[in-house]
Amino acid sequence: MGLLNKFSQQFRLPSGVLGEAAGYLMAATTKGRNQWTISQLEIKPEDILLEIGYGPGVGIKECSALIESGKIEGIDISTTMKKQAERKNKQFIKQGKVKLLSGTVKDLPSEENTYDKIFSVNSVMFWEDQAEAFNKLYTLLNEGGKIAVTYQPMFKGAKEEDAVHYGEELQGIMKSAGFRDIRTELKQFKPVAAICVIGCKGREG
């Protein structure tokens, strides 16, 4: 495997020196995607939030500026990213606003009605069992809570249609998990458009 291929694999599970470099690249290029995703959640100052796959901690930092009495937790499989995210959010961790965990969705405590808002940006395609993950996230979400999951295809030759089709698949999985009022937003980014699938826990409205 060439160096370029080795580096591209770091976006799945960043580790070591190449993982550090991948994290810095993500931090420099994903701010717009994170801000757009977070804007779909209509975050309130008192909200308790969860991010799946926080990477270098860009989304965590964005949310920390929006909450006051609330808190945000994040979970990521990469210990390399955890270290980067801790450095980026050192102040908020000290304040008790931020808590960063290592692992996957299945490693989250199984306590019902824990979070008001949940989001994930370009990590859903790496989840081993999406159906199981969304089922668990549904139970973790408070009644009336909201989830936003963003996907931007980054493989060679990716087109807008790839994002749209993936969004349709996610809608089906989320509907089966119990989410309601599901909708999909599309936004143009470089090199290709991203989709954000948003759903709520509660009655259809």
N, C-alpha and C. Protein backbone atom coordinates (compact mmCIF):
# COMPACT_ATOMS: atom_id res chain seq x y z
N MET A 1 0.85 -1.20 0.00
CA MET A 1 0.00 0.00 0.00
C MET A 1 0.89 1.25 0.00
N GLY A 2 0.62 2.18 -0.95
CA GLY A 2 1.40 3.39 -1.05
C GLY A 2 1.09 4.35 0.08
N LEU A 3 1.95 5.36 0.21
CA LEU A 3 1.77 6.35 1.28
C LEU A 3 0.44 7.06 1.16
N LEU A 4 0.02 7.39 -0.09
CA LEU A 4 -1.25 8.09 -0.29
C LEU A 4 -2.42 7.25 0.18
N ASN A 5 -2.39 5.95 -0.14
CA ASN A 5 -3.46 5.05 0.30
C ASN A 5 -3.45 4.89 1.82
N LYS A 6 -2.25 4.81 2.39
CA LYS A 6 -2.15 4.71 3.85
C LYS A 6 -2.75 5.95 4.51
N PHE A 7 -2.48 7.11 3.91
CA PHE A 7 -3.01 8.35 4.48
C PHE A 7 -4.53 8.40 4.36
N SER A 8 -5.07 7.97 3.22
CA SER A 8 -6.52 8.00 3.04
C SER A 8 -7.24 7.10 4.03
N GLN A 9 -6.57 6.00 4.43
CA GLN A 9 -7.16 5.09 5.42
C GLN A 9 -7.27 5.74 6.79
N GLN A 10 -6.51 6.80 7.02
CA GLN A 10 -6.52 7.47 8.32
C GLN A 10 -7.83 8.17 8.61
N PHE A 11 -8.64 8.43 7.59
CA PHE A 11 -9.91 9.10 7.83
C PHE A 11 -10.95 8.14 8.40
N ARG A 12 -10.65 6.85 8.34
CA ARG A 12 -11.53 5.85 8.95
C ARG A 12 -11.17 5.65 10.42
N LEU A 13 -9.89 5.47 10.69
CA LEU A 13 -9.41 5.28 12.07
C LEU A 13 -8.05 5.94 12.20
N PRO A 14 -8.01 7.25 12.46
CA PRO A 14 -6.74 7.97 12.56
C PRO A 14 -5.87 7.42 13.69
N SER A 15 -4.58 7.23 13.38
CA SER A 15 -3.65 6.76 14.41
C SER A 15 -2.24 7.17 14.02
N GLY A 16 -1.40 7.36 15.02
CA GLY A 16 -0.01 7.67 14.79
C GLY A 16 0.21 9.02 14.12
N VAL A 17 1.37 9.16 13.49
CA VAL A 17 1.75 10.43 12.86
C VAL A 17 0.82 10.78 11.71
N LEU A 18 0.49 9.79 10.87
CA LEU A 18 -0.42 10.05 9.75
C LEU A 18 -1.81 10.41 10.26
N GLY A 19 -2.21 9.80 11.35
CA GLY A 19 -3.51 10.11 11.94
C GLY A 19 -3.56 11.54 12.45
N GLU A 20 -2.46 11.98 13.06
CA GLU A 20 -2.37 13.37 13.52
C GLU A 20 -2.53 14.32 12.34
N ALA A 21 -1.83 14.01 11.23
CA ALA A 21 -1.90 14.85 10.04
C ALA A 21 -3.32 14.87 9.47
N ALA A 22 -3.97 13.70 9.46
CA ALA A 22 -5.34 13.62 8.95
C ALA A 22 -6.28 14.46 9.82
N GLY A 23 -6.03 14.45 11.11
CA GLY A 23 -6.86 15.24 12.02
C GLY A 23 -6.74 16.73 11.76
N TYR A 24 -5.51 17.19 11.53
CA TYR A 24 -5.30 18.61 11.24
C TYR A 24 -5.96 19.00 9.93
N LEU A 25 -5.91 18.08 8.95
CA LEU A 25 -6.56 18.36 7.66
C LEU A 25 -8.06 18.43 7.84
N MET A 26 -8.63 17.52 8.62
CA MET A 26 -10.08 17.55 8.88
C MET A 26 -10.48 18.83 9.58
N ALA A 27 -9.69 19.25 10.54
CA ALA A 27 -10.00 20.47 11.28
C ALA A 27 -10.02 21.69 10.37
N ALA A 28 -9.13 21.66 9.36
CA ALA A 28 -9.00 22.81 8.46
C ALA A 28 -10.07 22.83 7.38
N THR A 29 -10.68 21.67 7.08
CA THR A 29 -11.59 21.60 5.93
C THR A 29 -13.04 21.29 6.25
N THR A 30 -13.35 20.94 7.50
CA THR A 30 -14.71 20.47 7.80
C THR A 30 -15.55 21.47 8.60
N LYS A 31 -15.02 22.66 8.85
CA LYS A 31 -15.76 23.61 9.67
C LYS A 31 -17.13 23.94 9.09
N GLY A 32 -17.19 24.17 7.78
CA GLY A 32 -18.46 24.50 7.15
C GLY A 32 -19.48 23.39 7.28
N ARG A 33 -19.05 22.16 7.09
CA ARG A 33 -19.94 21.00 7.22
C ARG A 33 -20.47 20.88 8.64
N ASN A 34 -19.59 21.10 9.60
CA ASN A 34 -20.00 21.02 11.00
C ASN A 34 -21.00 22.11 11.35
N GLN A 35 -20.71 23.34 10.94
CA GLN A 35 -21.62 24.45 11.24
C GLN A 35 -22.98 24.23 10.62
N TRP A 36 -23.01 23.75 9.39
CA TRP A 36 -24.27 23.49 8.70
C TRP A 36 -25.08 22.41 9.42
N THR A 37 -24.41 21.33 9.81
CA THR A 37 -25.09 20.24 10.52
C THR A 37 -25.66 20.73 11.84
N ILE A 38 -24.85 21.44 12.61
CA ILE A 38 -25.27 21.93 13.91
C ILE A 38 -26.44 22.89 13.79
N SER A 39 -26.48 23.67 12.71
CA SER A 39 -27.57 24.63 12.51
C SER A 39 -28.92 23.95 12.34
N GLN A 40 -28.92 22.68 11.93
CA GLN A 40 -30.16 21.94 11.76
C GLN A 40 -30.81 21.55 13.10
N LEU A 41 -30.03 21.65 14.19
CA LEU A 41 -30.49 21.16 15.49
C LEU A 41 -31.21 22.21 16.34
N GLU A 42 -31.06 23.47 15.98
CA GLU A 42 -31.69 24.55 16.76
C GLU A 42 -31.33 24.41 18.25
N ILE A 43 -30.05 24.44 18.51
CA ILE A 43 -29.53 24.20 19.86
C ILE A 43 -29.93 25.32 20.81
N LYS A 44 -30.36 24.91 22.01
CA LYS A 44 -30.73 25.85 23.07
C LYS A 44 -29.61 25.88 24.12
N PRO A 45 -29.51 26.97 24.87
CA PRO A 45 -28.42 27.11 25.85
C PRO A 45 -28.36 26.00 26.89
N GLU A 46 -29.51 25.38 27.18
CA GLU A 46 -29.56 24.35 28.23
C GLU A 46 -29.48 22.93 27.68
N ASP A 47 -29.32 22.75 26.39
CA ASP A 47 -29.35 21.42 25.79
C ASP A 47 -28.18 20.54 26.23
N ILE A 48 -28.47 19.24 26.31
CA ILE A 48 -27.45 18.22 26.53
C ILE A 48 -27.23 17.54 25.18
N LEU A 49 -26.00 17.59 24.67
CA LEU A 49 -25.71 17.16 23.31
C LEU A 49 -24.78 15.96 23.28
N LEU A 50 -24.83 15.26 22.13
CA LEU A 50 -23.92 14.15 21.89
C LEU A 50 -23.45 14.20 20.44
N GLU A 51 -22.13 14.08 20.24
CA GLU A 51 -21.60 13.95 18.88
C GLU A 51 -20.96 12.57 18.73
N ILE A 52 -21.32 11.89 17.64
CA ILE A 52 -20.72 10.61 17.31
C ILE A 52 -19.62 10.85 16.29
N GLY A 53 -18.39 10.46 16.63
CA GLY A 53 -17.26 10.66 15.72
C GLY A 53 -16.80 12.10 15.70
N TYR A 54 -16.32 12.60 16.83
CA TYR A 54 -15.99 14.02 16.93
C TYR A 54 -14.68 14.41 16.25
N GLY A 55 -13.85 13.42 15.85
CA GLY A 55 -12.62 13.73 15.14
C GLY A 55 -11.74 14.69 15.92
N PRO A 56 -11.23 15.75 15.26
CA PRO A 56 -10.35 16.69 15.95
C PRO A 56 -11.08 17.66 16.87
N GLY A 57 -12.40 17.54 16.99
CA GLY A 57 -13.15 18.33 17.98
C GLY A 57 -13.71 19.64 17.48
N VAL A 58 -13.80 19.81 16.16
CA VAL A 58 -14.32 21.06 15.60
C VAL A 58 -15.79 21.27 15.95
N GLY A 59 -16.61 20.23 15.76
CA GLY A 59 -18.04 20.34 16.07
C GLY A 59 -18.28 20.53 17.56
N ILE A 60 -17.49 19.85 18.38
CA ILE A 60 -17.60 19.99 19.83
C ILE A 60 -17.39 21.45 20.23
N LYS A 61 -16.35 22.06 19.65
CA LYS A 61 -16.04 23.46 19.97
C LYS A 61 -17.15 24.40 19.51
N GLU A 62 -17.71 24.14 18.33
CA GLU A 62 -18.80 24.97 17.82
C GLU A 62 -20.00 24.93 18.77
N CYS A 63 -20.34 23.74 19.24
CA CYS A 63 -21.49 23.59 20.13
C CYS A 63 -21.24 24.22 21.49
N SER A 64 -20.01 24.13 21.95
CA SER A 64 -19.67 24.67 23.27
C SER A 64 -19.94 26.16 23.35
N ALA A 65 -19.82 26.84 22.22
CA ALA A 65 -20.07 28.28 22.18
C ALA A 65 -21.57 28.60 22.18
N LEU A 66 -22.40 27.59 21.92
CA LEU A 66 -23.84 27.81 21.83
C LEU A 66 -24.59 27.47 23.11
N ILE A 67 -23.96 26.68 23.97
CA ILE A 67 -24.63 26.26 25.20
C ILE A 67 -24.10 27.05 26.39
N GLU A 68 -24.94 27.16 27.41
CA GLU A 68 -24.56 27.86 28.64
C GLU A 68 -24.63 26.89 29.83
N SER A 69 -25.84 26.54 30.24
CA SER A 69 -25.99 25.58 31.32
C SER A 69 -25.94 24.15 30.80
N GLY A 70 -26.00 23.98 29.48
CA GLY A 70 -25.98 22.65 28.89
C GLY A 70 -24.58 22.03 28.85
N LYS A 71 -24.51 20.83 28.28
CA LYS A 71 -23.24 20.11 28.16
C LYS A 71 -23.20 19.39 26.83
N ILE A 72 -22.00 19.03 26.39
CA ILE A 72 -21.85 18.21 25.20
C ILE A 72 -20.87 17.09 25.46
N GLU A 73 -21.30 15.88 25.09
CA GLU A 73 -20.43 14.72 25.17
C GLU A 73 -20.13 14.26 23.75
N GLY A 74 -18.99 13.62 23.58
CA GLY A 74 -18.63 13.08 22.28
C GLY A 74 -17.99 11.72 22.43
N ILE A 75 -18.13 10.89 21.40
CA ILE A 75 -17.47 9.59 21.41
C ILE A 75 -16.81 9.37 20.06
N ASP A 76 -15.59 8.85 20.07
CA ASP A 76 -14.84 8.62 18.84
C ASP A 76 -13.97 7.38 19.05
N ILE A 77 -13.83 6.59 18.01
CA ILE A 77 -13.07 5.35 18.13
C ILE A 77 -11.57 5.58 18.18
N SER A 78 -11.12 6.76 17.72
CA SER A 78 -9.69 7.04 17.61
C SER A 78 -9.14 7.75 18.86
N THR A 79 -8.17 7.14 19.51
CA THR A 79 -7.52 7.79 20.66
C THR A 79 -6.66 8.96 20.19
N THR A 80 -6.17 8.88 18.95
CA THR A 80 -5.40 10.00 18.39
C THR A 80 -6.27 11.24 18.26
N MET A 81 -7.51 11.05 17.78
CA MET A 81 -8.44 12.17 17.65
C MET A 81 -8.88 12.68 19.02
N LYS A 82 -8.98 11.79 19.98
CA LYS A 82 -9.36 12.20 21.32
C LYS A 82 -8.35 13.20 21.88
N LYS A 83 -7.07 12.92 21.65
CA LYS A 83 -6.02 13.81 22.14
C LYS A 83 -6.10 15.18 21.45
N GLN A 84 -6.34 15.17 20.13
CA GLN A 84 -6.46 16.44 19.41
C GLN A 84 -7.67 17.22 19.89
N ALA A 85 -8.80 16.52 20.04
CA ALA A 85 -10.03 17.18 20.47
C ALA A 85 -9.90 17.74 21.88
N GLU A 86 -9.17 17.02 22.74
CA GLU A 86 -8.94 17.51 24.10
C GLU A 86 -8.13 18.80 24.09
N ARG A 87 -7.13 18.86 23.23
CA ARG A 87 -6.33 20.09 23.13
C ARG A 87 -7.18 21.26 22.62
N LYS A 88 -8.01 20.98 21.63
CA LYS A 88 -8.83 22.04 21.03
C LYS A 88 -9.90 22.53 22.00
N ASN A 89 -10.37 21.66 22.88
CA ASN A 89 -11.48 22.01 23.78
C ASN A 89 -11.06 22.03 25.25
N LYS A 90 -9.79 22.27 25.49
CA LYS A 90 -9.25 22.24 26.85
C LYS A 90 -10.02 23.14 27.80
N GLN A 91 -10.32 24.34 27.35
CA GLN A 91 -11.03 25.31 28.20
C GLN A 91 -12.41 24.81 28.59
N PHE A 92 -13.14 24.26 27.61
CA PHE A 92 -14.50 23.81 27.86
C PHE A 92 -14.54 22.54 28.71
N ILE A 93 -13.52 21.71 28.58
CA ILE A 93 -13.41 20.52 29.43
C ILE A 93 -13.21 20.94 30.88
N LYS A 94 -12.35 21.93 31.09
CA LYS A 94 -12.11 22.45 32.44
C LYS A 94 -13.39 23.02 33.05
N GLN A 95 -14.21 23.67 32.22
CA GLN A 95 -15.45 24.27 32.68
C GLN A 95 -16.54 23.24 32.95
N GLY A 96 -16.31 21.99 32.52
CA GLY A 96 -17.31 20.95 32.71
C GLY A 96 -18.35 20.90 31.62
N LYS A 97 -18.16 21.69 30.56
CA LYS A 97 -19.11 21.70 29.45
C LYS A 97 -18.93 20.50 28.52
N VAL A 98 -17.71 20.01 28.43
CA VAL A 98 -17.36 18.98 27.45
C VAL A 98 -16.81 17.72 28.12
N LYS A 99 -17.27 16.58 27.63
CA LYS A 99 -16.74 15.29 28.07
C LYS A 99 -16.50 14.45 26.82
N LEU A 100 -15.27 13.98 26.64
CA LEU A 100 -14.90 13.21 25.46
C LEU A 100 -14.64 11.76 25.83
N LEU A 101 -15.28 10.86 25.09
CA LEU A 101 -15.18 9.43 25.33
C LEU A 101 -14.52 8.72 24.16
N SER A 102 -13.98 7.53 24.41
CA SER A 102 -13.41 6.70 23.36
C SER A 102 -14.31 5.49 23.13
N GLY A 103 -14.53 5.15 21.86
CA GLY A 103 -15.35 3.99 21.55
C GLY A 103 -16.32 4.26 20.42
N THR A 104 -17.33 3.40 20.33
CA THR A 104 -18.37 3.52 19.31
C THR A 104 -19.72 3.67 19.99
N VAL A 105 -20.77 3.76 19.20
CA VAL A 105 -22.12 3.94 19.76
C VAL A 105 -22.46 2.85 20.76
N LYS A 106 -22.06 1.63 20.45
CA LYS A 106 -22.40 0.52 21.35
C LYS A 106 -21.73 0.63 22.71
N ASP A 107 -20.67 1.45 22.80
CA ASP A 107 -19.96 1.63 24.06
C ASP A 107 -20.58 2.70 24.95
N LEU A 108 -21.57 3.45 24.42
CA LEU A 108 -22.24 4.46 25.22
C LEU A 108 -23.09 3.81 26.30
N PRO A 109 -23.20 4.42 27.48
CA PRO A 109 -24.07 3.88 28.53
C PRO A 109 -25.52 3.77 28.02
N SER A 110 -26.19 2.71 28.39
CA SER A 110 -27.55 2.48 27.89
C SER A 110 -28.58 3.12 28.82
N GLU A 111 -28.50 4.42 28.96
CA GLU A 111 -29.45 5.16 29.79
C GLU A 111 -30.43 5.90 28.89
N GLU A 112 -31.70 5.63 29.04
CA GLU A 112 -32.70 6.24 28.18
C GLU A 112 -32.85 7.73 28.47
N ASN A 113 -33.26 8.47 27.42
CA ASN A 113 -33.58 9.89 27.57
C ASN A 113 -32.44 10.69 28.19
N THR A 114 -31.28 10.60 27.58
CA THR A 114 -30.08 11.26 28.10
C THR A 114 -29.79 12.58 27.38
N TYR A 115 -30.05 12.63 26.07
CA TYR A 115 -29.63 13.77 25.27
C TYR A 115 -30.81 14.48 24.61
N ASP A 116 -30.65 15.80 24.44
CA ASP A 116 -31.65 16.60 23.73
C ASP A 116 -31.38 16.62 22.23
N LYS A 117 -30.11 16.61 21.87
CA LYS A 117 -29.72 16.67 20.46
C LYS A 117 -28.53 15.74 20.24
N ILE A 118 -28.52 15.05 19.11
CA ILE A 118 -27.42 14.17 18.72
C ILE A 118 -27.04 14.49 17.29
N PHE A 119 -25.73 14.51 17.00
CA PHE A 119 -25.32 14.73 15.62
C PHE A 119 -24.05 13.97 15.28
N SER A 120 -23.84 13.81 13.98
CA SER A 120 -22.66 13.11 13.48
C SER A 120 -22.34 13.64 12.10
N VAL A 121 -21.07 13.88 11.84
CA VAL A 121 -20.63 14.43 10.55
C VAL A 121 -19.59 13.50 9.93
N ASN A 122 -19.98 12.87 8.84
CA ASN A 122 -19.10 11.98 8.08
C ASN A 122 -18.44 10.88 8.91
N SER A 123 -19.23 10.27 9.78
CA SER A 123 -18.73 9.08 10.46
C SER A 123 -19.71 7.91 10.30
N VAL A 124 -20.94 8.20 9.91
CA VAL A 124 -21.98 7.17 9.86
C VAL A 124 -21.60 6.03 8.93
N MET A 125 -20.86 6.31 7.86
CA MET A 125 -20.52 5.26 6.90
C MET A 125 -19.52 4.26 7.47
N PHE A 126 -18.93 4.58 8.63
CA PHE A 126 -17.99 3.68 9.28
C PHE A 126 -18.63 2.86 10.40
N TRP A 127 -19.89 3.11 10.71
CA TRP A 127 -20.56 2.37 11.79
C TRP A 127 -20.76 0.93 11.35
N GLU A 128 -20.40 -0.01 12.20
CA GLU A 128 -20.47 -1.43 11.83
C GLU A 128 -21.90 -1.91 11.64
N ASP A 129 -22.79 -1.54 12.51
CA ASP A 129 -24.19 -1.94 12.42
C ASP A 129 -25.06 -0.70 12.58
N GLN A 130 -25.42 -0.10 11.46
CA GLN A 130 -26.15 1.16 11.50
C GLN A 130 -27.53 1.01 12.15
N ALA A 131 -28.20 -0.08 11.85
CA ALA A 131 -29.54 -0.30 12.41
C ALA A 131 -29.47 -0.36 13.94
N GLU A 132 -28.53 -1.12 14.45
CA GLU A 132 -28.36 -1.25 15.90
C GLU A 132 -27.98 0.10 16.51
N ALA A 133 -27.10 0.83 15.83
CA ALA A 133 -26.65 2.13 16.34
C ALA A 133 -27.80 3.11 16.42
N PHE A 134 -28.61 3.22 15.37
CA PHE A 134 -29.73 4.16 15.38
C PHE A 134 -30.80 3.75 16.40
N ASN A 135 -30.98 2.45 16.59
CA ASN A 135 -31.91 2.00 17.62
C ASN A 135 -31.47 2.49 19.00
N LYS A 136 -30.17 2.39 19.26
CA LYS A 136 -29.66 2.82 20.56
C LYS A 136 -29.74 4.34 20.69
N LEU A 137 -29.40 5.06 19.63
CA LEU A 137 -29.46 6.52 19.68
C LEU A 137 -30.88 7.00 19.91
N TYR A 138 -31.84 6.27 19.37
CA TYR A 138 -33.25 6.64 19.59
C TYR A 138 -33.60 6.55 21.07
N THR A 139 -33.14 5.51 21.73
CA THR A 139 -33.45 5.36 23.17
C THR A 139 -32.70 6.41 24.00
N LEU A 140 -31.53 6.82 23.54
CA LEU A 140 -30.75 7.82 24.28
C LEU A 140 -31.32 9.23 24.15
N LEU A 141 -32.12 9.45 23.12
CA LEU A 141 -32.65 10.78 22.84
C LEU A 141 -33.90 11.05 23.68
N ASN A 142 -33.98 12.26 24.20
CA ASN A 142 -35.18 12.67 24.94
C ASN A 142 -36.38 12.78 24.02
N GLU A 143 -37.57 12.63 24.56
CA GLU A 143 -38.79 12.85 23.80
C GLU A 143 -38.79 14.27 23.26
N GLY A 144 -39.02 14.40 21.97
CA GLY A 144 -38.98 15.72 21.34
C GLY A 144 -37.58 16.12 20.90
N GLY A 145 -36.59 15.27 21.17
CA GLY A 145 -35.22 15.55 20.79
C GLY A 145 -34.99 15.36 19.30
N LYS A 146 -33.83 15.78 18.83
CA LYS A 146 -33.55 15.79 17.40
C LYS A 146 -32.16 15.21 17.12
N ILE A 147 -32.06 14.53 15.97
CA ILE A 147 -30.80 13.98 15.51
C ILE A 147 -30.50 14.50 14.11
N ALA A 148 -29.23 14.78 13.82
CA ALA A 148 -28.81 15.24 12.49
C ALA A 148 -27.56 14.46 12.10
N VAL A 149 -27.63 13.78 10.96
CA VAL A 149 -26.51 12.95 10.50
C VAL A 149 -26.11 13.40 9.09
N THR A 150 -24.87 13.83 8.95
CA THR A 150 -24.38 14.36 7.68
C THR A 150 -23.42 13.38 7.01
N TYR A 151 -23.56 13.29 5.69
CA TYR A 151 -22.69 12.42 4.89
C TYR A 151 -22.28 13.16 3.62
N GLN A 152 -20.98 13.21 3.38
CA GLN A 152 -20.44 13.74 2.13
C GLN A 152 -19.55 12.66 1.52
N PRO A 153 -19.92 12.12 0.36
CA PRO A 153 -19.09 11.07 -0.24
C PRO A 153 -17.73 11.63 -0.65
N MET A 154 -16.68 10.96 -0.23
CA MET A 154 -15.32 11.46 -0.47
C MET A 154 -14.50 10.51 -1.35
N PHE A 155 -15.13 9.43 -1.84
CA PHE A 155 -14.37 8.50 -2.67
C PHE A 155 -14.16 9.09 -4.07
N LYS A 156 -13.20 8.57 -4.78
CA LYS A 156 -12.85 9.08 -6.10
C LYS A 156 -14.04 8.96 -7.06
N GLY A 157 -14.35 10.03 -7.74
CA GLY A 157 -15.46 10.02 -8.69
C GLY A 157 -16.83 10.21 -8.07
N ALA A 158 -16.90 10.54 -6.78
CA ALA A 158 -18.19 10.71 -6.10
C ALA A 158 -18.99 11.84 -6.73
N LYS A 159 -20.32 11.65 -6.79
CA LYS A 159 -21.22 12.64 -7.36
C LYS A 159 -22.32 12.96 -6.37
N GLU A 160 -23.07 14.01 -6.68
CA GLU A 160 -24.18 14.42 -5.82
C GLU A 160 -25.19 13.29 -5.63
N GLU A 161 -25.40 12.52 -6.71
CA GLU A 161 -26.37 11.41 -6.62
C GLU A 161 -25.98 10.39 -5.56
N ASP A 162 -24.66 10.21 -5.36
CA ASP A 162 -24.20 9.27 -4.34
C ASP A 162 -24.63 9.72 -2.95
N ALA A 163 -24.54 11.01 -2.71
CA ALA A 163 -24.98 11.56 -1.43
C ALA A 163 -26.49 11.39 -1.27
N VAL A 164 -27.24 11.69 -2.33
CA VAL A 164 -28.69 11.59 -2.27
C VAL A 164 -29.14 10.16 -2.00
N HIS A 165 -28.55 9.20 -2.70
CA HIS A 165 -28.93 7.80 -2.52
C HIS A 165 -28.59 7.31 -1.11
N TYR A 166 -27.45 7.73 -0.61
CA TYR A 166 -27.07 7.33 0.75
C TYR A 166 -28.04 7.93 1.77
N GLY A 167 -28.45 9.17 1.51
CA GLY A 167 -29.43 9.81 2.38
C GLY A 167 -30.74 9.04 2.42
N GLU A 168 -31.15 8.52 1.28
CA GLU A 168 -32.39 7.74 1.22
C GLU A 168 -32.27 6.46 2.05
N GLU A 169 -31.10 5.84 2.00
CA GLU A 169 -30.86 4.64 2.80
C GLU A 169 -30.93 4.97 4.29
N LEU A 170 -30.31 6.08 4.67
CA LEU A 170 -30.32 6.48 6.07
C LEU A 170 -31.74 6.79 6.55
N GLN A 171 -32.53 7.41 5.71
CA GLN A 171 -33.92 7.70 6.08
C GLN A 171 -34.67 6.43 6.43
N GLY A 172 -34.47 5.40 5.62
CA GLY A 172 -35.14 4.13 5.88
C GLY A 172 -34.72 3.50 7.20
N ILE A 173 -33.42 3.53 7.48
CA ILE A 173 -32.90 2.97 8.72
C ILE A 173 -33.42 3.75 9.92
N MET A 174 -33.41 5.08 9.80
CA MET A 174 -33.88 5.92 10.90
C MET A 174 -35.38 5.74 11.15
N LYS A 175 -36.14 5.59 10.08
CA LYS A 175 -37.58 5.37 10.24
C LYS A 175 -37.84 4.06 10.96
N SER A 176 -37.07 3.03 10.61
CA SER A 176 -37.24 1.73 11.27
C SER A 176 -36.87 1.80 12.75
N ALA A 177 -35.95 2.71 13.10
CA ALA A 177 -35.54 2.86 14.49
C ALA A 177 -36.58 3.62 15.31
N GLY A 178 -37.53 4.28 14.62
CA GLY A 178 -38.58 4.99 15.34
C GLY A 178 -38.59 6.49 15.15
N PHE A 179 -37.58 7.04 14.47
CA PHE A 179 -37.53 8.49 14.29
C PHE A 179 -38.68 8.96 13.40
N ARG A 180 -39.13 10.19 13.69
CA ARG A 180 -40.27 10.77 12.97
C ARG A 180 -39.88 12.12 12.36
N ASP A 181 -40.77 12.65 11.54
CA ASP A 181 -40.54 13.95 10.88
C ASP A 181 -39.17 13.98 10.20
N ILE A 182 -38.83 12.88 9.54
CA ILE A 182 -37.52 12.77 8.91
C ILE A 182 -37.49 13.59 7.62
N ARG A 183 -36.42 14.37 7.49
CA ARG A 183 -36.24 15.14 6.27
C ARG A 183 -34.76 15.14 5.90
N THR A 184 -34.47 15.45 4.64
CA THR A 184 -33.09 15.50 4.17
C THR A 184 -32.79 16.86 3.57
N GLU A 185 -31.67 17.45 3.99
CA GLU A 185 -31.20 18.70 3.42
C GLU A 185 -29.96 18.41 2.59
N LEU A 186 -29.79 19.18 1.51
CA LEU A 186 -28.64 19.03 0.62
C LEU A 186 -27.92 20.37 0.51
N LYS A 187 -26.60 20.33 0.59
CA LYS A 187 -25.82 21.56 0.48
C LYS A 187 -24.57 21.30 -0.35
N GLN A 188 -24.23 22.24 -1.19
CA GLN A 188 -23.05 22.11 -2.04
C GLN A 188 -21.78 22.42 -1.25
N PHE A 189 -20.86 21.48 -1.26
CA PHE A 189 -19.53 21.67 -0.71
C PHE A 189 -18.53 21.19 -1.75
N LYS A 190 -17.27 21.53 -1.56
CA LYS A 190 -16.23 20.99 -2.42
C LYS A 190 -15.69 19.71 -1.81
N PRO A 191 -15.44 18.66 -2.57
CA PRO A 191 -15.60 18.56 -4.02
C PRO A 191 -16.99 18.12 -4.46
N VAL A 192 -17.87 17.78 -3.54
CA VAL A 192 -19.19 17.26 -3.90
C VAL A 192 -20.18 17.61 -2.80
N ALA A 193 -21.46 17.61 -3.13
CA ALA A 193 -22.51 17.98 -2.18
C ALA A 193 -22.58 17.01 -1.00
N ALA A 194 -23.10 17.50 0.12
CA ALA A 194 -23.33 16.69 1.32
C ALA A 194 -24.82 16.67 1.62
N ILE A 195 -25.27 15.61 2.27
CA ILE A 195 -26.66 15.52 2.72
C ILE A 195 -26.68 15.47 4.24
N CYS A 196 -27.73 16.00 4.80
CA CYS A 196 -27.94 15.90 6.24
C CYS A 196 -29.35 15.35 6.45
N VAL A 197 -29.43 14.22 7.13
CA VAL A 197 -30.72 13.61 7.44
C VAL A 197 -31.08 13.94 8.88
N ILE A 198 -32.23 14.57 9.04
CA ILE A 198 -32.67 15.04 10.35
C ILE A 198 -33.94 14.30 10.77
N GLY A 199 -33.97 13.87 12.01
CA GLY A 199 -35.15 13.19 12.52
C GLY A 199 -35.44 13.58 13.96
N CYS A 200 -36.66 13.31 14.39
CA CYS A 200 -37.07 13.65 15.75
C CYS A 200 -37.59 12.41 16.48
N LYS A 201 -37.55 12.47 17.79
CA LYS A 201 -38.16 11.43 18.60
C LYS A 201 -39.49 11.97 19.13
N GLY A 202 -40.55 11.31 18.74
CA GLY A 202 -41.86 11.79 19.16
C GLY A 202 -42.88 11.57 18.08
N ARG A 203 -44.03 12.19 18.24
CA ARG A 203 -45.11 12.00 17.30
C ARG A 203 -44.83 12.68 15.97
N GLU A 204 -45.41 12.11 14.92
CA GLU A 204 -45.32 12.71 13.60
C GLU A 204 -46.01 14.05 13.63
N GLY A 205 -45.34 15.08 13.13
CA GLY A 205 -45.94 16.39 13.18
C GLY A 205 -45.68 17.20 11.97
